N, C-alpha and C. Protein backbone atom coordinates (compact mmCIF):
# COMPACT_ATOMS: atom_id res chain seq x y z
N UNK A 1 0.82 -1.19 0.00
CA UNK A 1 0.00 0.00 0.00
C UNK A 1 0.87 1.25 0.00
N UNK A 2 0.23 2.39 -0.09
CA UNK A 2 0.94 3.67 -0.20
C UNK A 2 1.79 3.95 1.04
N UNK A 3 1.25 3.64 2.21
CA UNK A 3 1.97 3.89 3.45
C UNK A 3 3.26 3.06 3.51
N UNK A 4 3.14 1.78 3.18
CA UNK A 4 4.32 0.91 3.19
C UNK A 4 5.39 1.39 2.23
N UNK A 5 4.98 1.81 1.03
CA UNK A 5 5.97 2.29 0.05
C UNK A 5 6.63 3.58 0.53
N UNK A 6 5.88 4.42 1.24
CA UNK A 6 6.47 5.65 1.78
C UNK A 6 7.52 5.33 2.84
N UNK A 7 7.19 4.41 3.74
CA UNK A 7 8.16 4.01 4.76
C UNK A 7 9.36 3.31 4.13
N UNK A 8 9.11 2.51 3.12
CA UNK A 8 10.20 1.83 2.43
C UNK A 8 11.16 2.83 1.79
N UNK A 9 10.61 3.87 1.19
CA UNK A 9 11.44 4.91 0.56
C UNK A 9 12.32 5.59 1.60
N UNK A 10 11.75 5.90 2.76
CA UNK A 10 12.53 6.52 3.83
C UNK A 10 13.61 5.57 4.33
N UNK A 11 13.28 4.30 4.48
CA UNK A 11 14.27 3.31 4.92
C UNK A 11 15.43 3.23 3.93
N UNK A 12 15.12 3.23 2.65
CA UNK A 12 16.17 3.21 1.62
C UNK A 12 17.04 4.46 1.70
N UNK A 13 16.40 5.60 1.92
CA UNK A 13 17.16 6.85 2.06
C UNK A 13 18.07 6.83 3.28
N UNK A 14 17.60 6.23 4.36
CA UNK A 14 18.44 6.08 5.56
C UNK A 14 19.62 5.18 5.22
N UNK A 15 19.34 4.05 4.58
CA UNK A 15 20.39 3.09 4.21
C UNK A 15 21.45 3.75 3.33
N UNK A 16 21.03 4.61 2.43
CA UNK A 16 21.96 5.27 1.50
C UNK A 16 22.46 6.62 2.02
N UNK A 17 22.27 6.87 3.32
CA UNK A 17 22.78 8.07 3.99
C UNK A 17 22.33 9.37 3.33
N UNK A 18 21.08 9.44 2.91
CA UNK A 18 20.57 10.65 2.25
C UNK A 18 20.16 11.73 3.24
N UNK A 19 20.02 11.35 4.52
CA UNK A 19 19.65 12.33 5.54
C UNK A 19 20.91 12.75 6.30
N UNK A 20 20.97 14.02 6.67
CA UNK A 20 22.15 14.56 7.35
C UNK A 20 22.12 14.28 8.85
N UNK A 21 20.91 14.15 9.41
CA UNK A 21 20.81 13.96 10.85
C UNK A 21 19.45 13.33 11.21
N UNK A 22 19.29 13.04 12.48
CA UNK A 22 18.07 12.40 12.97
C UNK A 22 16.84 13.27 12.74
N UNK A 23 16.99 14.57 12.90
CA UNK A 23 15.86 15.48 12.71
C UNK A 23 15.29 15.35 11.30
N UNK A 24 16.15 15.22 10.30
CA UNK A 24 15.67 15.06 8.92
C UNK A 24 14.88 13.76 8.76
N UNK A 25 15.32 12.72 9.43
CA UNK A 25 14.61 11.44 9.37
C UNK A 25 13.23 11.59 10.02
N UNK A 26 13.21 12.19 11.20
CA UNK A 26 11.93 12.38 11.91
C UNK A 26 10.99 13.25 11.09
N UNK A 27 11.51 14.30 10.48
CA UNK A 27 10.68 15.17 9.64
C UNK A 27 10.10 14.39 8.46
N UNK A 28 10.92 13.53 7.86
CA UNK A 28 10.43 12.71 6.74
C UNK A 28 9.33 11.76 7.21
N UNK A 29 9.52 11.16 8.38
CA UNK A 29 8.51 10.26 8.93
C UNK A 29 7.23 11.01 9.28
N UNK A 30 7.38 12.19 9.86
CA UNK A 30 6.20 12.99 10.21
C UNK A 30 5.39 13.37 8.97
N UNK A 31 6.07 13.54 7.86
CA UNK A 31 5.37 13.94 6.63
C UNK A 31 4.40 12.86 6.14
N UNK A 32 4.62 11.61 6.56
CA UNK A 32 3.71 10.53 6.16
C UNK A 32 2.92 9.97 7.34
N UNK A 33 3.11 10.57 8.50
CA UNK A 33 2.41 10.11 9.70
C UNK A 33 0.90 10.13 9.45
N UNK A 34 0.25 9.02 9.77
CA UNK A 34 -1.19 8.93 9.55
C UNK A 34 -1.96 9.29 10.83
N UNK A 35 -3.20 9.61 10.67
CA UNK A 35 -4.10 9.91 11.76
C UNK A 35 -4.16 8.72 12.73
N UNK A 36 -4.24 9.00 14.03
CA UNK A 36 -4.28 7.94 15.04
C UNK A 36 -5.38 6.92 14.78
N UNK A 37 -6.56 7.39 14.44
CA UNK A 37 -7.68 6.47 14.18
C UNK A 37 -7.42 5.61 12.95
N UNK A 38 -6.82 6.20 11.92
CA UNK A 38 -6.48 5.42 10.72
C UNK A 38 -5.44 4.35 11.05
N UNK A 39 -4.45 4.72 11.88
CA UNK A 39 -3.43 3.76 12.29
C UNK A 39 -4.07 2.60 13.03
N UNK A 40 -4.90 2.92 14.04
CA UNK A 40 -5.54 1.86 14.83
C UNK A 40 -6.44 0.98 13.96
N UNK A 41 -7.14 1.62 13.03
CA UNK A 41 -8.02 0.86 12.13
C UNK A 41 -7.21 -0.11 11.27
N UNK A 42 -6.11 0.37 10.70
CA UNK A 42 -5.25 -0.50 9.88
C UNK A 42 -4.63 -1.61 10.71
N UNK A 43 -4.15 -1.25 11.90
CA UNK A 43 -3.51 -2.23 12.77
C UNK A 43 -4.51 -3.27 13.25
N UNK A 44 -5.75 -2.87 13.44
CA UNK A 44 -6.76 -3.78 13.99
C UNK A 44 -7.19 -4.86 13.00
N UNK A 45 -6.83 -4.72 11.74
CA UNK A 45 -7.16 -5.77 10.75
C UNK A 45 -5.91 -6.49 10.24
N UNK A 46 -4.75 -6.17 10.82
CA UNK A 46 -3.49 -6.74 10.37
C UNK A 46 -3.50 -8.26 10.53
N UNK A 47 -3.04 -8.95 9.50
CA UNK A 47 -3.06 -10.40 9.50
C UNK A 47 -1.83 -10.93 8.76
N UNK A 48 -1.15 -11.89 9.36
CA UNK A 48 0.01 -12.56 8.75
C UNK A 48 0.02 -14.01 9.20
N UNK A 49 0.41 -14.89 8.31
CA UNK A 49 0.56 -16.30 8.66
C UNK A 49 1.93 -16.47 9.32
N UNK A 50 1.94 -16.55 10.63
CA UNK A 50 3.19 -16.53 11.39
C UNK A 50 3.72 -17.91 11.70
N UNK A 51 3.77 -18.77 10.71
CA UNK A 51 4.30 -20.11 10.96
C UNK A 51 5.77 -20.21 10.61
N UNK A 52 6.25 -19.42 9.65
CA UNK A 52 7.67 -19.42 9.30
C UNK A 52 7.97 -18.26 8.36
N UNK A 53 9.25 -18.07 8.09
CA UNK A 53 9.67 -17.06 7.12
C UNK A 53 9.52 -15.63 7.60
N UNK A 54 9.49 -14.72 6.64
CA UNK A 54 9.43 -13.29 6.95
C UNK A 54 8.18 -12.88 7.69
N UNK A 55 7.05 -13.50 7.37
CA UNK A 55 5.81 -13.15 8.08
C UNK A 55 5.93 -13.44 9.58
N UNK A 56 6.53 -14.57 9.91
CA UNK A 56 6.74 -14.92 11.32
C UNK A 56 7.69 -13.92 11.98
N UNK A 57 8.72 -13.49 11.26
CA UNK A 57 9.66 -12.50 11.80
C UNK A 57 8.97 -11.17 12.06
N UNK A 58 8.09 -10.77 11.15
CA UNK A 58 7.36 -9.51 11.32
C UNK A 58 6.44 -9.59 12.54
N UNK A 59 5.70 -10.68 12.66
CA UNK A 59 4.80 -10.85 13.81
C UNK A 59 5.60 -10.86 15.11
N UNK A 60 6.72 -11.58 15.12
CA UNK A 60 7.54 -11.63 16.34
C UNK A 60 8.10 -10.24 16.66
N UNK A 61 8.54 -9.50 15.65
CA UNK A 61 9.04 -8.14 15.86
C UNK A 61 7.97 -7.28 16.53
N UNK A 62 6.76 -7.33 15.99
CA UNK A 62 5.66 -6.52 16.55
C UNK A 62 5.37 -6.91 18.00
N UNK A 63 5.24 -8.21 18.25
CA UNK A 63 4.90 -8.67 19.60
C UNK A 63 6.03 -8.41 20.60
N UNK A 64 7.27 -8.63 20.19
CA UNK A 64 8.41 -8.37 21.09
C UNK A 64 8.44 -6.90 21.48
N UNK A 65 8.24 -6.02 20.52
CA UNK A 65 8.29 -4.60 20.84
C UNK A 65 7.11 -4.14 21.68
N UNK A 66 5.94 -4.69 21.44
CA UNK A 66 4.79 -4.37 22.29
C UNK A 66 5.02 -4.92 23.70
N UNK A 67 5.55 -6.13 23.78
CA UNK A 67 5.89 -6.73 25.08
C UNK A 67 6.89 -5.85 25.83
N UNK A 68 7.92 -5.39 25.15
CA UNK A 68 8.91 -4.51 25.79
C UNK A 68 8.25 -3.20 26.25
N UNK A 69 7.35 -2.69 25.44
CA UNK A 69 6.63 -1.46 25.79
C UNK A 69 5.84 -1.67 27.09
N UNK A 70 5.17 -2.80 27.20
CA UNK A 70 4.34 -3.08 28.38
C UNK A 70 5.16 -3.40 29.62
N UNK A 71 6.34 -3.97 29.42
CA UNK A 71 7.14 -4.44 30.57
C UNK A 71 8.31 -3.52 30.90
N UNK A 72 8.33 -2.35 30.34
CA UNK A 72 9.42 -1.42 30.64
C UNK A 72 10.74 -1.82 30.02
N UNK A 73 10.68 -2.45 28.86
CA UNK A 73 11.90 -2.78 28.12
C UNK A 73 12.39 -4.20 28.28
N UNK A 74 11.70 -5.00 29.07
CA UNK A 74 12.17 -6.36 29.33
C UNK A 74 11.44 -7.36 28.44
N UNK A 75 12.21 -8.11 27.66
CA UNK A 75 11.66 -9.21 26.87
C UNK A 75 12.82 -9.99 26.28
N UNK A 76 13.02 -11.19 26.77
CA UNK A 76 14.10 -12.03 26.25
C UNK A 76 13.65 -12.66 24.95
N UNK A 77 14.07 -12.06 23.87
CA UNK A 77 13.67 -12.49 22.53
C UNK A 77 14.13 -13.92 22.22
N UNK A 78 15.20 -14.36 22.88
CA UNK A 78 15.75 -15.69 22.61
C UNK A 78 14.83 -16.82 23.08
N UNK A 79 14.06 -16.57 24.12
CA UNK A 79 13.16 -17.63 24.62
C UNK A 79 11.72 -17.44 24.15
N UNK A 80 11.47 -16.33 23.45
CA UNK A 80 10.11 -16.00 23.01
C UNK A 80 9.75 -16.74 21.72
N UNK A 81 8.59 -17.38 21.74
CA UNK A 81 8.04 -18.02 20.55
C UNK A 81 6.64 -17.46 20.32
N UNK A 82 6.15 -17.65 19.11
CA UNK A 82 4.80 -17.18 18.78
C UNK A 82 3.80 -18.30 19.08
N UNK A 83 2.86 -17.98 19.95
CA UNK A 83 1.79 -18.92 20.31
C UNK A 83 0.52 -18.52 19.57
N UNK A 84 -0.08 -19.49 18.88
CA UNK A 84 -1.40 -19.29 18.27
C UNK A 84 -2.43 -19.64 19.34
N UNK A 85 -3.17 -18.66 19.79
CA UNK A 85 -4.16 -18.93 20.84
C UNK A 85 -5.24 -19.85 20.29
N UNK A 86 -5.86 -19.46 19.20
CA UNK A 86 -6.74 -20.35 18.45
C UNK A 86 -5.79 -21.16 17.57
N UNK A 87 -5.78 -22.49 17.67
CA UNK A 87 -4.77 -23.29 16.97
C UNK A 87 -4.70 -23.01 15.47
N UNK A 88 -3.48 -22.98 14.95
CA UNK A 88 -3.26 -22.71 13.53
C UNK A 88 -3.81 -23.82 12.64
N UNK A 89 -4.07 -24.98 13.24
CA UNK A 89 -4.60 -26.10 12.47
C UNK A 89 -6.08 -25.92 12.11
N UNK A 90 -6.75 -24.99 12.78
CA UNK A 90 -8.16 -24.74 12.47
C UNK A 90 -8.29 -23.97 11.17
N UNK A 91 -9.35 -24.25 10.47
CA UNK A 91 -9.62 -23.54 9.22
C UNK A 91 -10.54 -22.36 9.53
N UNK A 92 -9.93 -21.29 10.06
CA UNK A 92 -10.68 -20.11 10.46
C UNK A 92 -9.94 -18.88 9.98
N UNK A 93 -10.65 -17.95 9.37
CA UNK A 93 -10.02 -16.75 8.80
C UNK A 93 -9.30 -15.90 9.85
N UNK A 94 -9.70 -15.99 11.10
CA UNK A 94 -9.10 -15.16 12.16
C UNK A 94 -7.84 -15.77 12.77
N UNK A 95 -7.52 -17.00 12.42
CA UNK A 95 -6.35 -17.68 12.99
C UNK A 95 -5.07 -16.89 12.76
N UNK A 96 -4.96 -16.20 11.63
CA UNK A 96 -3.73 -15.50 11.29
C UNK A 96 -3.77 -14.00 11.58
N UNK A 97 -4.80 -13.55 12.30
CA UNK A 97 -4.82 -12.14 12.72
C UNK A 97 -3.82 -11.96 13.85
N UNK A 98 -3.22 -10.78 13.93
CA UNK A 98 -2.27 -10.49 15.00
C UNK A 98 -2.90 -10.72 16.37
N UNK A 99 -4.20 -10.50 16.47
CA UNK A 99 -4.92 -10.69 17.72
C UNK A 99 -5.07 -12.14 18.14
N UNK A 100 -4.57 -13.06 17.36
CA UNK A 100 -4.59 -14.47 17.76
C UNK A 100 -3.20 -14.95 18.19
N UNK A 101 -2.25 -14.02 18.29
CA UNK A 101 -0.88 -14.38 18.65
C UNK A 101 -0.45 -13.72 19.95
N UNK A 102 0.34 -14.45 20.72
CA UNK A 102 1.05 -13.88 21.87
C UNK A 102 2.46 -14.43 21.84
N UNK A 103 3.33 -13.80 22.62
CA UNK A 103 4.65 -14.38 22.85
C UNK A 103 4.54 -15.31 24.04
N UNK A 104 5.23 -16.42 23.95
CA UNK A 104 5.23 -17.37 25.05
C UNK A 104 6.59 -18.06 25.07
N UNK A 105 7.07 -18.36 26.27
CA UNK A 105 8.33 -19.07 26.38
C UNK A 105 8.22 -20.40 25.65
N UNK A 106 9.31 -20.80 25.01
CA UNK A 106 9.33 -22.02 24.20
C UNK A 106 8.86 -23.24 25.01
N UNK A 107 9.34 -23.35 26.26
CA UNK A 107 8.98 -24.51 27.08
C UNK A 107 7.47 -24.61 27.29
N UNK A 108 6.80 -23.47 27.45
CA UNK A 108 5.35 -23.48 27.64
C UNK A 108 4.62 -23.71 26.32
N UNK A 109 5.11 -23.13 25.27
CA UNK A 109 4.46 -23.25 23.97
C UNK A 109 4.43 -24.71 23.51
N UNK A 110 5.53 -25.42 23.74
CA UNK A 110 5.59 -26.84 23.36
C UNK A 110 4.58 -27.67 24.15
N UNK A 111 4.33 -27.25 25.36
CA UNK A 111 3.39 -27.94 26.24
C UNK A 111 1.94 -27.79 25.78
N UNK A 112 1.64 -26.68 25.13
CA UNK A 112 0.25 -26.36 24.80
C UNK A 112 -0.29 -27.07 23.57
N UNK A 113 0.50 -27.08 22.51
CA UNK A 113 0.06 -27.64 21.22
C UNK A 113 -1.34 -27.13 20.87
N UNK A 114 -2.30 -28.03 20.65
CA UNK A 114 -3.64 -27.63 20.24
C UNK A 114 -4.66 -27.75 21.38
N UNK A 115 -4.22 -27.45 22.61
CA UNK A 115 -5.14 -27.52 23.75
C UNK A 115 -6.22 -26.46 23.63
N UNK A 116 -7.32 -26.71 24.31
CA UNK A 116 -8.42 -25.74 24.35
C UNK A 116 -7.98 -24.51 25.14
N UNK A 117 -8.60 -23.38 24.82
CA UNK A 117 -8.24 -22.12 25.46
C UNK A 117 -8.31 -22.21 26.98
N UNK A 118 -9.37 -22.81 27.49
CA UNK A 118 -9.55 -22.91 28.94
C UNK A 118 -8.39 -23.66 29.60
N UNK A 119 -7.78 -24.59 28.88
CA UNK A 119 -6.63 -25.33 29.41
C UNK A 119 -5.34 -24.51 29.30
N UNK A 120 -5.31 -23.57 28.40
CA UNK A 120 -4.11 -22.75 28.19
C UNK A 120 -3.93 -21.67 29.25
N UNK A 121 -5.03 -21.22 29.85
CA UNK A 121 -4.97 -20.08 30.76
C UNK A 121 -3.98 -20.29 31.90
N UNK A 122 -3.95 -21.47 32.49
CA UNK A 122 -3.03 -21.71 33.62
C UNK A 122 -1.57 -21.58 33.17
N UNK A 123 -1.28 -21.99 31.95
CA UNK A 123 0.08 -21.85 31.41
C UNK A 123 0.37 -20.38 31.13
N UNK A 124 -0.58 -19.66 30.57
CA UNK A 124 -0.39 -18.23 30.30
C UNK A 124 -0.06 -17.48 31.60
N UNK A 125 -0.69 -17.87 32.70
CA UNK A 125 -0.43 -17.22 33.99
C UNK A 125 0.98 -17.49 34.51
N UNK A 126 1.63 -18.56 34.06
CA UNK A 126 3.00 -18.89 34.47
C UNK A 126 4.04 -18.08 33.70
N UNK A 127 3.65 -17.53 32.59
CA UNK A 127 4.59 -16.84 31.70
C UNK A 127 5.20 -15.60 32.36
N UNK A 128 6.44 -15.33 32.02
CA UNK A 128 7.07 -14.09 32.48
C UNK A 128 6.69 -12.91 31.58
N UNK A 129 6.03 -13.20 30.45
CA UNK A 129 5.62 -12.15 29.52
C UNK A 129 4.26 -11.57 29.93
N UNK A 130 4.07 -10.31 29.62
CA UNK A 130 2.84 -9.60 29.97
C UNK A 130 1.65 -10.00 29.09
N UNK A 131 1.88 -10.21 27.80
CA UNK A 131 0.76 -10.48 26.89
C UNK A 131 -0.03 -11.75 27.24
N UNK A 132 0.63 -12.86 27.54
CA UNK A 132 -0.16 -14.05 27.92
C UNK A 132 -0.96 -13.83 29.21
N UNK A 133 -0.36 -13.11 30.16
CA UNK A 133 -1.08 -12.84 31.40
C UNK A 133 -2.25 -11.88 31.17
N UNK A 134 -2.09 -10.96 30.22
CA UNK A 134 -3.19 -10.07 29.86
C UNK A 134 -4.36 -10.90 29.32
N UNK A 135 -4.06 -11.86 28.47
CA UNK A 135 -5.10 -12.73 27.90
C UNK A 135 -5.78 -13.52 29.02
N UNK A 136 -4.99 -14.12 29.91
CA UNK A 136 -5.55 -14.92 31.00
C UNK A 136 -6.42 -14.08 31.93
N UNK A 137 -6.02 -12.84 32.16
CA UNK A 137 -6.76 -11.97 33.08
C UNK A 137 -8.02 -11.36 32.47
N UNK A 138 -8.06 -11.24 31.16
CA UNK A 138 -9.14 -10.47 30.52
C UNK A 138 -10.12 -11.28 29.68
N UNK A 139 -9.84 -12.55 29.46
CA UNK A 139 -10.72 -13.35 28.60
C UNK A 139 -11.01 -14.70 29.25
N UNK A 140 -12.27 -15.06 29.28
CA UNK A 140 -12.69 -16.36 29.81
C UNK A 140 -12.89 -17.38 28.70
N UNK A 141 -13.18 -16.88 27.50
CA UNK A 141 -13.32 -17.73 26.32
C UNK A 141 -12.51 -17.08 25.20
N UNK A 142 -12.23 -17.85 24.16
CA UNK A 142 -11.47 -17.32 23.03
C UNK A 142 -12.23 -17.63 21.74
N UNK A 143 -12.69 -16.55 21.12
CA UNK A 143 -13.44 -16.68 19.87
C UNK A 143 -13.09 -15.50 18.97
N UNK A 144 -13.80 -15.35 17.88
CA UNK A 144 -13.47 -14.27 16.93
C UNK A 144 -13.65 -12.89 17.56
N UNK A 145 -14.63 -12.75 18.45
CA UNK A 145 -14.83 -11.47 19.15
C UNK A 145 -13.63 -11.17 20.06
N UNK A 146 -13.14 -12.19 20.76
CA UNK A 146 -11.97 -12.03 21.63
C UNK A 146 -10.74 -11.62 20.83
N UNK A 147 -10.56 -12.26 19.68
CA UNK A 147 -9.42 -11.94 18.81
C UNK A 147 -9.47 -10.47 18.41
N UNK A 148 -10.64 -10.00 18.01
CA UNK A 148 -10.79 -8.60 17.61
C UNK A 148 -10.54 -7.65 18.79
N UNK A 149 -11.04 -7.99 19.97
CA UNK A 149 -10.84 -7.14 21.15
C UNK A 149 -9.36 -7.06 21.51
N UNK A 150 -8.69 -8.20 21.50
CA UNK A 150 -7.26 -8.23 21.82
C UNK A 150 -6.45 -7.48 20.76
N UNK A 151 -6.83 -7.63 19.50
CA UNK A 151 -6.12 -6.93 18.43
C UNK A 151 -6.29 -5.41 18.58
N UNK A 152 -7.45 -4.96 19.01
CA UNK A 152 -7.65 -3.53 19.28
C UNK A 152 -6.75 -3.07 20.42
N UNK A 153 -6.59 -3.90 21.44
CA UNK A 153 -5.66 -3.60 22.53
C UNK A 153 -4.24 -3.47 21.99
N UNK A 154 -3.83 -4.40 21.13
CA UNK A 154 -2.49 -4.34 20.53
C UNK A 154 -2.32 -3.08 19.70
N UNK A 155 -3.37 -2.69 18.98
CA UNK A 155 -3.32 -1.47 18.16
C UNK A 155 -3.07 -0.24 19.03
N UNK A 156 -3.73 -0.17 20.18
CA UNK A 156 -3.52 0.96 21.09
C UNK A 156 -2.09 0.98 21.62
N UNK A 157 -1.57 -0.21 21.94
CA UNK A 157 -0.19 -0.29 22.43
C UNK A 157 0.80 0.11 21.33
N UNK A 158 0.55 -0.35 20.13
CA UNK A 158 1.43 -0.02 19.00
C UNK A 158 1.43 1.48 18.73
N UNK A 159 0.27 2.09 18.81
CA UNK A 159 0.18 3.54 18.60
C UNK A 159 0.99 4.29 19.66
N UNK A 160 0.85 3.88 20.91
CA UNK A 160 1.62 4.52 21.99
C UNK A 160 3.12 4.30 21.79
N UNK A 161 3.48 3.14 21.31
CA UNK A 161 4.88 2.78 21.13
C UNK A 161 5.53 3.50 19.96
N UNK A 162 4.83 3.55 18.83
CA UNK A 162 5.45 4.04 17.60
C UNK A 162 4.97 5.42 17.14
N UNK A 163 4.23 6.11 17.96
CA UNK A 163 3.76 7.44 17.56
C UNK A 163 4.96 8.38 17.42
N UNK A 164 5.01 9.07 16.31
CA UNK A 164 6.11 10.00 16.05
C UNK A 164 5.71 11.37 16.59
N UNK A 165 6.48 11.86 17.53
CA UNK A 165 6.18 13.16 18.16
C UNK A 165 6.89 14.29 17.44
């Protein structure tokens, strides 16, 4: 989309040292900064198949940074894996929405596999990460409505994290 190509152009300019200082970079970013509501709306429908490759890296990047934002900068990326709350094996359009993913320690993620949501909550509460505990504290069931609500929460966090002042 247009926004992605604008950010890509700025990234290329940074790579090729076309800006003299940080202020020029920030000014370039501000020139394409979108309205807060438009950002949240776009983020709230974001979807990637996070099973492998670049899509998984993008999802992990987003979740790690939101996790760091929530925890004051703490998130051990080396032990963090992407957990599909609604199992990826289900044939459901919402399975690949960002709102269906959390970070979870590898040891816990392996334990969960395709367990039901109600069985996952106790494991989420053991996590050192904030996002799984947020899910356990705020949702009693996991369905498409829950995915959308959680994704809206992530959108608000992303806006607070990446807003250009």
